[in-house]
Amino acid sequence: QVQLVESGGGLVQAGDSLSLSCAASGRPFVSYAMGWFRQAPGKEREFVAAVTWRGGSTVYADSVRGRFTISGDIARNTMYLQMNSLKPEDTAVYYCAADVNDYSRNDYQKLGALPRVEAQYDYWGQGTQVTVSS
């Protein structure tokens, strides 16, 4: 069983920065990519950013591009999300997720494409709250 544990959430003011971490543990697994999603009160969970574990390719939602930076440390099995210039609309529970490397099942992995939808991810963390006050 794989466990993903997020940390780093908290309460900040608009314009501040915050850094989230996601540590993977449990049985060894080969991750094709890892991503961040978020869910605001009363809204559906939405994609934030993703990074391929080997190549380091990244993709961002339009709402966070230029403000957020996703990165991964293979040696530590840890993913990060640096969030700058935070806005009240960034308030949400942030979830990290892992997409296991399985070319036989996931054609998009063969193309080097990054997963942006929930169904493409195999493991999820419990989430960490980020609150941005105005």
N, C-alpha and C. Protein backbone atom coordinates (compact mmCIF):
# COMPACT_ATOMS: atom_id res chain seq x y z
N GLN A 1 0.84 -1.18 0.00
CA GLN A 1 0.00 0.00 0.00
C GLN A 1 0.89 1.25 0.00
N VAL A 2 0.49 2.22 -0.79
CA VAL A 2 1.23 3.47 -0.90
C VAL A 2 0.51 4.53 -0.10
N GLN A 3 1.25 5.29 0.66
CA GLN A 3 0.67 6.42 1.40
C GLN A 3 1.26 7.72 0.90
N LEU A 4 0.39 8.68 0.71
CA LEU A 4 0.81 10.03 0.35
C LEU A 4 0.37 10.95 1.47
N VAL A 5 1.31 11.72 1.98
CA VAL A 5 1.01 12.60 3.10
C VAL A 5 1.40 14.03 2.75
N GLU A 6 0.40 14.91 2.75
CA GLU A 6 0.65 16.32 2.48
C GLU A 6 0.98 17.05 3.77
N SER A 7 1.74 18.12 3.64
CA SER A 7 2.04 18.99 4.78
C SER A 7 2.33 20.39 4.26
N GLY A 8 2.27 21.36 5.17
CA GLY A 8 2.63 22.71 4.80
C GLY A 8 1.48 23.68 4.66
N GLY A 9 0.26 23.18 4.79
CA GLY A 9 -0.88 24.08 4.69
C GLY A 9 -0.96 25.02 5.87
N GLY A 10 -1.83 26.02 5.75
CA GLY A 10 -1.99 26.96 6.84
C GLY A 10 -2.80 28.17 6.45
N LEU A 11 -2.81 29.15 7.32
CA LEU A 11 -3.54 30.39 7.11
C LEU A 11 -2.54 31.51 6.79
N VAL A 12 -2.72 32.15 5.66
CA VAL A 12 -1.85 33.25 5.25
C VAL A 12 -2.69 34.39 4.72
N GLN A 13 -2.05 35.53 4.49
CA GLN A 13 -2.74 36.68 3.93
C GLN A 13 -2.51 36.75 2.42
N ALA A 14 -3.39 37.44 1.75
CA ALA A 14 -3.25 37.62 0.31
C ALA A 14 -1.90 38.23 -0.01
N GLY A 15 -1.24 37.68 -1.02
CA GLY A 15 0.08 38.15 -1.39
C GLY A 15 1.22 37.36 -0.78
N ASP A 16 0.90 36.57 0.24
CA ASP A 16 1.92 35.77 0.91
C ASP A 16 2.26 34.53 0.08
N SER A 17 3.28 33.81 0.57
CA SER A 17 3.71 32.57 -0.07
C SER A 17 3.55 31.41 0.90
N LEU A 18 3.43 30.21 0.35
CA LEU A 18 3.30 29.00 1.14
C LEU A 18 3.86 27.85 0.34
N SER A 19 4.49 26.90 1.02
CA SER A 19 5.05 25.75 0.32
C SER A 19 4.44 24.47 0.86
N LEU A 20 3.90 23.66 -0.02
CA LEU A 20 3.33 22.37 0.34
C LEU A 20 4.29 21.24 -0.02
N SER A 21 4.25 20.18 0.76
CA SER A 21 5.04 18.99 0.47
C SER A 21 4.13 17.78 0.43
N CYS A 22 4.55 16.78 -0.34
CA CYS A 22 3.82 15.52 -0.40
C CYS A 22 4.85 14.40 -0.36
N ALA A 23 4.83 13.64 0.71
CA ALA A 23 5.79 12.56 0.88
C ALA A 23 5.12 11.22 0.60
N ALA A 24 5.76 10.41 -0.23
CA ALA A 24 5.24 9.09 -0.57
C ALA A 24 5.98 8.03 0.23
N SER A 25 5.25 7.07 0.75
CA SER A 25 5.86 5.98 1.50
C SER A 25 5.07 4.71 1.27
N GLY A 26 5.59 3.61 1.77
CA GLY A 26 4.91 2.34 1.59
C GLY A 26 5.68 1.46 0.63
N ARG A 27 4.96 0.57 -0.02
CA ARG A 27 5.65 -0.35 -0.92
C ARG A 27 6.25 0.42 -2.10
N PRO A 28 7.38 -0.03 -2.63
CA PRO A 28 7.98 0.68 -3.76
C PRO A 28 7.03 0.76 -4.94
N PHE A 29 6.98 1.90 -5.55
CA PHE A 29 6.17 2.04 -6.74
C PHE A 29 6.90 2.96 -7.70
N VAL A 30 6.60 2.78 -8.96
CA VAL A 30 7.21 3.62 -9.98
C VAL A 30 6.16 4.63 -10.40
N SER A 31 6.42 5.85 -10.08
CA SER A 31 5.47 6.91 -10.39
C SER A 31 5.81 7.53 -11.73
N TYR A 32 4.84 7.57 -12.62
CA TYR A 32 5.03 8.28 -13.90
C TYR A 32 4.96 9.78 -13.66
N ALA A 33 3.98 10.20 -12.90
CA ALA A 33 3.82 11.62 -12.62
C ALA A 33 3.13 11.78 -11.27
N MET A 34 3.27 12.98 -10.71
CA MET A 34 2.53 13.31 -9.50
C MET A 34 1.89 14.68 -9.71
N GLY A 35 0.78 14.87 -9.03
CA GLY A 35 0.05 16.11 -9.25
C GLY A 35 -0.57 16.66 -7.99
N TRP A 36 -1.00 17.90 -8.10
CA TRP A 36 -1.74 18.58 -7.04
C TRP A 36 -3.13 18.94 -7.56
N PHE A 37 -4.12 18.70 -6.74
CA PHE A 37 -5.48 19.12 -7.00
C PHE A 37 -5.94 19.92 -5.79
N ARG A 38 -7.05 20.65 -5.95
CA ARG A 38 -7.60 21.38 -4.81
C ARG A 38 -9.11 21.39 -4.88
N GLN A 39 -9.72 21.52 -3.71
CA GLN A 39 -11.17 21.58 -3.64
C GLN A 39 -11.59 22.67 -2.68
N ALA A 40 -12.26 23.67 -3.22
CA ALA A 40 -12.77 24.77 -2.42
C ALA A 40 -14.15 24.41 -1.90
N PRO A 41 -14.60 25.03 -0.82
CA PRO A 41 -15.93 24.73 -0.27
C PRO A 41 -17.02 24.91 -1.32
N GLY A 42 -17.85 23.89 -1.47
CA GLY A 42 -18.96 23.97 -2.40
C GLY A 42 -18.60 23.77 -3.85
N LYS A 43 -17.34 23.46 -4.13
CA LYS A 43 -16.90 23.29 -5.51
C LYS A 43 -16.32 21.89 -5.72
N GLU A 44 -16.21 21.52 -6.98
CA GLU A 44 -15.60 20.24 -7.30
C GLU A 44 -14.08 20.36 -7.21
N ARG A 45 -13.46 19.20 -7.03
CA ARG A 45 -12.01 19.18 -6.99
C ARG A 45 -11.46 19.52 -8.38
N GLU A 46 -10.43 20.36 -8.42
CA GLU A 46 -9.89 20.80 -9.69
C GLU A 46 -8.38 20.58 -9.76
N PHE A 47 -7.89 20.43 -10.97
CA PHE A 47 -6.47 20.22 -11.22
C PHE A 47 -5.70 21.52 -10.96
N VAL A 48 -4.52 21.39 -10.36
CA VAL A 48 -3.66 22.53 -10.10
C VAL A 48 -2.37 22.44 -10.93
N ALA A 49 -1.64 21.33 -10.77
CA ALA A 49 -0.35 21.19 -11.46
C ALA A 49 0.09 19.74 -11.42
N ALA A 50 0.97 19.37 -12.34
CA ALA A 50 1.52 18.02 -12.37
C ALA A 50 2.96 18.06 -12.86
N VAL A 51 3.72 17.04 -12.47
CA VAL A 51 5.12 16.95 -12.88
C VAL A 51 5.44 15.49 -13.17
N THR A 52 6.14 15.23 -14.27
CA THR A 52 6.58 13.86 -14.54
C THR A 52 7.76 13.55 -13.63
N TRP A 53 7.81 12.34 -13.14
CA TRP A 53 8.77 12.01 -12.11
C TRP A 53 10.20 11.90 -12.66
N ARG A 54 10.33 11.46 -13.89
CA ARG A 54 11.66 11.28 -14.47
C ARG A 54 12.12 12.49 -15.27
N GLY A 55 11.27 12.94 -16.18
CA GLY A 55 11.68 14.03 -17.07
C GLY A 55 11.56 15.42 -16.48
N GLY A 56 10.75 15.55 -15.42
CA GLY A 56 10.57 16.86 -14.83
C GLY A 56 9.69 17.79 -15.62
N SER A 57 8.95 17.27 -16.59
CA SER A 57 8.01 18.12 -17.32
C SER A 57 6.89 18.55 -16.39
N THR A 58 6.39 19.75 -16.63
CA THR A 58 5.34 20.28 -15.76
C THR A 58 4.18 20.86 -16.58
N VAL A 59 3.04 20.92 -15.93
CA VAL A 59 1.86 21.55 -16.52
C VAL A 59 1.08 22.21 -15.39
N TYR A 60 0.45 23.34 -15.68
CA TYR A 60 -0.26 24.09 -14.67
C TYR A 60 -1.66 24.48 -15.15
N ALA A 61 -2.55 24.63 -14.21
CA ALA A 61 -3.85 25.21 -14.51
C ALA A 61 -3.63 26.69 -14.80
N ASP A 62 -4.48 27.25 -15.65
CA ASP A 62 -4.34 28.65 -16.02
C ASP A 62 -4.41 29.56 -14.79
N SER A 63 -5.19 29.18 -13.82
CA SER A 63 -5.42 30.03 -12.64
C SER A 63 -4.18 30.16 -11.75
N VAL A 64 -3.22 29.25 -11.89
CA VAL A 64 -2.05 29.30 -11.01
C VAL A 64 -0.74 29.49 -11.78
N ARG A 65 -0.81 29.41 -13.09
CA ARG A 65 0.42 29.51 -13.88
C ARG A 65 1.09 30.85 -13.64
N GLY A 66 2.40 30.81 -13.39
CA GLY A 66 3.16 32.02 -13.10
C GLY A 66 3.25 32.35 -11.62
N ARG A 67 2.38 31.73 -10.82
CA ARG A 67 2.40 31.97 -9.36
C ARG A 67 2.84 30.72 -8.59
N PHE A 68 2.48 29.55 -9.09
CA PHE A 68 2.80 28.29 -8.42
C PHE A 68 3.91 27.57 -9.19
N THR A 69 4.74 26.83 -8.44
CA THR A 69 5.79 26.02 -9.05
C THR A 69 5.78 24.63 -8.44
N ILE A 70 5.65 23.63 -9.29
CA ILE A 70 5.66 22.24 -8.83
C ILE A 70 7.02 21.63 -9.09
N SER A 71 7.48 20.79 -8.18
CA SER A 71 8.76 20.12 -8.37
C SER A 71 8.76 18.80 -7.62
N GLY A 72 9.72 17.94 -7.96
CA GLY A 72 9.79 16.64 -7.31
C GLY A 72 11.22 16.26 -6.98
N ASP A 73 11.38 15.52 -5.90
CA ASP A 73 12.69 15.01 -5.48
C ASP A 73 12.58 13.48 -5.44
N ILE A 74 13.10 12.83 -6.51
CA ILE A 74 12.98 11.39 -6.61
C ILE A 74 13.66 10.69 -5.44
N ALA A 75 14.83 11.18 -5.05
CA ALA A 75 15.60 10.53 -3.98
C ALA A 75 14.82 10.50 -2.68
N ARG A 76 14.03 11.52 -2.46
CA ARG A 76 13.25 11.60 -1.22
C ARG A 76 11.80 11.19 -1.42
N ASN A 77 11.43 10.82 -2.65
CA ASN A 77 10.03 10.47 -2.94
C ASN A 77 9.08 11.55 -2.45
N THR A 78 9.46 12.79 -2.70
CA THR A 78 8.68 13.92 -2.20
C THR A 78 8.42 14.91 -3.32
N MET A 79 7.21 15.42 -3.34
CA MET A 79 6.82 16.43 -4.31
C MET A 79 6.51 17.72 -3.57
N TYR A 80 6.72 18.85 -4.24
CA TYR A 80 6.52 20.14 -3.62
C TYR A 80 5.62 21.03 -4.49
N LEU A 81 4.99 21.98 -3.84
CA LEU A 81 4.23 23.01 -4.54
C LEU A 81 4.54 24.34 -3.86
N GLN A 82 5.30 25.16 -4.56
CA GLN A 82 5.60 26.51 -4.05
C GLN A 82 4.52 27.45 -4.56
N MET A 83 3.83 28.09 -3.64
CA MET A 83 2.71 28.96 -4.00
C MET A 83 3.06 30.39 -3.61
N ASN A 84 3.16 31.26 -4.61
CA ASN A 84 3.46 32.67 -4.37
C ASN A 84 2.27 33.53 -4.76
N SER A 85 2.30 34.76 -4.29
CA SER A 85 1.23 35.72 -4.62
C SER A 85 -0.15 35.10 -4.42
N LEU A 86 -0.36 34.51 -3.27
CA LEU A 86 -1.60 33.81 -3.00
C LEU A 86 -2.78 34.77 -2.97
N LYS A 87 -3.92 34.27 -3.44
CA LYS A 87 -5.15 35.04 -3.51
C LYS A 87 -6.21 34.34 -2.67
N PRO A 88 -7.22 35.07 -2.21
CA PRO A 88 -8.31 34.43 -1.44
C PRO A 88 -8.95 33.28 -2.21
N GLU A 89 -9.01 33.38 -3.53
CA GLU A 89 -9.62 32.30 -4.33
C GLU A 89 -8.75 31.05 -4.39
N ASP A 90 -7.54 31.10 -3.84
CA ASP A 90 -6.71 29.90 -3.73
C ASP A 90 -7.07 29.06 -2.50
N THR A 91 -7.94 29.59 -1.66
CA THR A 91 -8.37 28.88 -0.47
C THR A 91 -9.05 27.56 -0.85
N ALA A 92 -8.52 26.47 -0.30
CA ALA A 92 -9.05 25.15 -0.64
C ALA A 92 -8.28 24.10 0.16
N VAL A 93 -8.79 22.88 0.11
CA VAL A 93 -8.02 21.73 0.59
C VAL A 93 -7.18 21.24 -0.60
N TYR A 94 -5.90 21.13 -0.41
CA TYR A 94 -4.98 20.72 -1.47
C TYR A 94 -4.63 19.25 -1.30
N TYR A 95 -4.76 18.50 -2.39
CA TYR A 95 -4.49 17.07 -2.39
C TYR A 95 -3.35 16.75 -3.33
N CYS A 96 -2.47 15.85 -2.91
CA CYS A 96 -1.48 15.36 -3.85
C CYS A 96 -1.90 13.98 -4.33
N ALA A 97 -1.45 13.62 -5.51
CA ALA A 97 -1.84 12.35 -6.12
C ALA A 97 -0.70 11.79 -6.94
N ALA A 98 -0.66 10.47 -7.06
CA ALA A 98 0.39 9.80 -7.82
C ALA A 98 -0.21 8.98 -8.95
N ASP A 99 0.39 9.08 -10.11
CA ASP A 99 -0.01 8.32 -11.30
C ASP A 99 1.06 7.27 -11.53
N VAL A 100 0.71 6.01 -11.29
CA VAL A 100 1.68 4.92 -11.40
C VAL A 100 2.06 4.69 -12.87
N ASN A 101 3.33 4.39 -13.09
CA ASN A 101 3.84 4.13 -14.43
C ASN A 101 3.29 2.80 -14.93
N ASP A 102 2.43 2.83 -15.91
CA ASP A 102 1.85 1.62 -16.48
C ASP A 102 1.54 1.87 -17.95
N TYR A 103 2.53 1.69 -18.81
CA TYR A 103 2.35 1.97 -20.23
C TYR A 103 1.33 1.03 -20.87
N SER A 104 1.16 -0.17 -20.29
CA SER A 104 0.22 -1.12 -20.90
C SER A 104 -1.22 -0.65 -20.72
N ARG A 105 -1.47 0.22 -19.77
CA ARG A 105 -2.83 0.67 -19.47
C ARG A 105 -3.07 2.12 -19.85
N ASN A 106 -2.03 2.91 -19.82
CA ASN A 106 -2.17 4.35 -20.01
C ASN A 106 -1.46 4.81 -21.28
N ASP A 107 -2.23 4.94 -22.34
CA ASP A 107 -1.63 5.35 -23.61
C ASP A 107 -1.01 6.74 -23.53
N TYR A 108 -1.58 7.62 -22.73
CA TYR A 108 -1.07 8.99 -22.68
C TYR A 108 0.36 9.01 -22.14
N GLN A 109 0.73 8.01 -21.32
CA GLN A 109 2.07 7.95 -20.79
C GLN A 109 3.08 7.67 -21.91
N LYS A 110 2.66 6.87 -22.88
CA LYS A 110 3.55 6.57 -24.01
C LYS A 110 3.87 7.84 -24.79
N LEU A 111 2.93 8.78 -24.78
CA LEU A 111 3.11 10.03 -25.52
C LEU A 111 3.82 11.08 -24.69
N GLY A 112 4.08 10.77 -23.44
CA GLY A 112 4.73 11.75 -22.59
C GLY A 112 3.80 12.84 -22.10
N ALA A 113 2.50 12.61 -22.24
CA ALA A 113 1.53 13.62 -21.81
C ALA A 113 1.37 13.56 -20.29
N LEU A 114 1.01 14.70 -19.71
CA LEU A 114 0.85 14.79 -18.26
C LEU A 114 -0.61 14.59 -17.88
N PRO A 115 -0.87 13.84 -16.82
CA PRO A 115 -2.24 13.59 -16.39
C PRO A 115 -2.84 14.83 -15.72
N ARG A 116 -4.06 15.19 -16.16
CA ARG A 116 -4.71 16.38 -15.62
C ARG A 116 -6.07 16.09 -15.02
N VAL A 117 -6.53 14.84 -15.10
CA VAL A 117 -7.84 14.53 -14.56
C VAL A 117 -7.69 13.51 -13.44
N GLU A 118 -8.66 13.55 -12.51
CA GLU A 118 -8.58 12.69 -11.32
C GLU A 118 -8.47 11.22 -11.68
N ALA A 119 -9.19 10.79 -12.69
CA ALA A 119 -9.24 9.37 -13.03
C ALA A 119 -7.88 8.82 -13.45
N GLN A 120 -6.98 9.67 -13.82
CA GLN A 120 -5.66 9.21 -14.27
C GLN A 120 -4.73 8.93 -13.10
N TYR A 121 -5.12 9.29 -11.90
CA TYR A 121 -4.26 9.11 -10.74
C TYR A 121 -4.69 7.89 -9.93
N ASP A 122 -3.69 7.21 -9.36
CA ASP A 122 -3.95 5.96 -8.66
C ASP A 122 -3.98 6.09 -7.14
N TYR A 123 -3.22 7.00 -6.59
CA TYR A 123 -3.14 7.16 -5.15
C TYR A 123 -3.34 8.63 -4.78
N TRP A 124 -3.97 8.83 -3.62
CA TRP A 124 -4.30 10.18 -3.15
C TRP A 124 -3.92 10.36 -1.70
N GLY A 125 -3.54 11.60 -1.36
CA GLY A 125 -3.34 11.94 0.02
C GLY A 125 -4.64 12.38 0.66
N GLN A 126 -4.57 12.70 1.94
CA GLN A 126 -5.76 13.09 2.68
C GLN A 126 -6.07 14.57 2.55
N GLY A 127 -5.11 15.35 2.10
CA GLY A 127 -5.35 16.76 1.89
C GLY A 127 -4.81 17.64 3.00
N THR A 128 -4.49 18.87 2.65
CA THR A 128 -4.04 19.86 3.62
C THR A 128 -4.74 21.18 3.32
N GLN A 129 -5.22 21.85 4.36
CA GLN A 129 -6.01 23.08 4.19
C GLN A 129 -5.10 24.28 3.96
N VAL A 130 -5.45 25.04 2.94
CA VAL A 130 -4.79 26.32 2.68
C VAL A 130 -5.87 27.40 2.72
N THR A 131 -5.69 28.38 3.57
CA THR A 131 -6.66 29.47 3.70
C THR A 131 -5.93 30.79 3.49
N VAL A 132 -6.44 31.57 2.54
CA VAL A 132 -5.84 32.86 2.22
C VAL A 132 -6.85 33.94 2.56
N SER A 133 -6.50 34.79 3.50
CA SER A 133 -7.40 35.86 3.91
C SER A 133 -7.11 37.13 3.09
N SER A 134 -8.15 37.91 2.90
CA SER A 134 -8.01 39.13 2.09
C SER A 134 -7.57 40.31 2.95
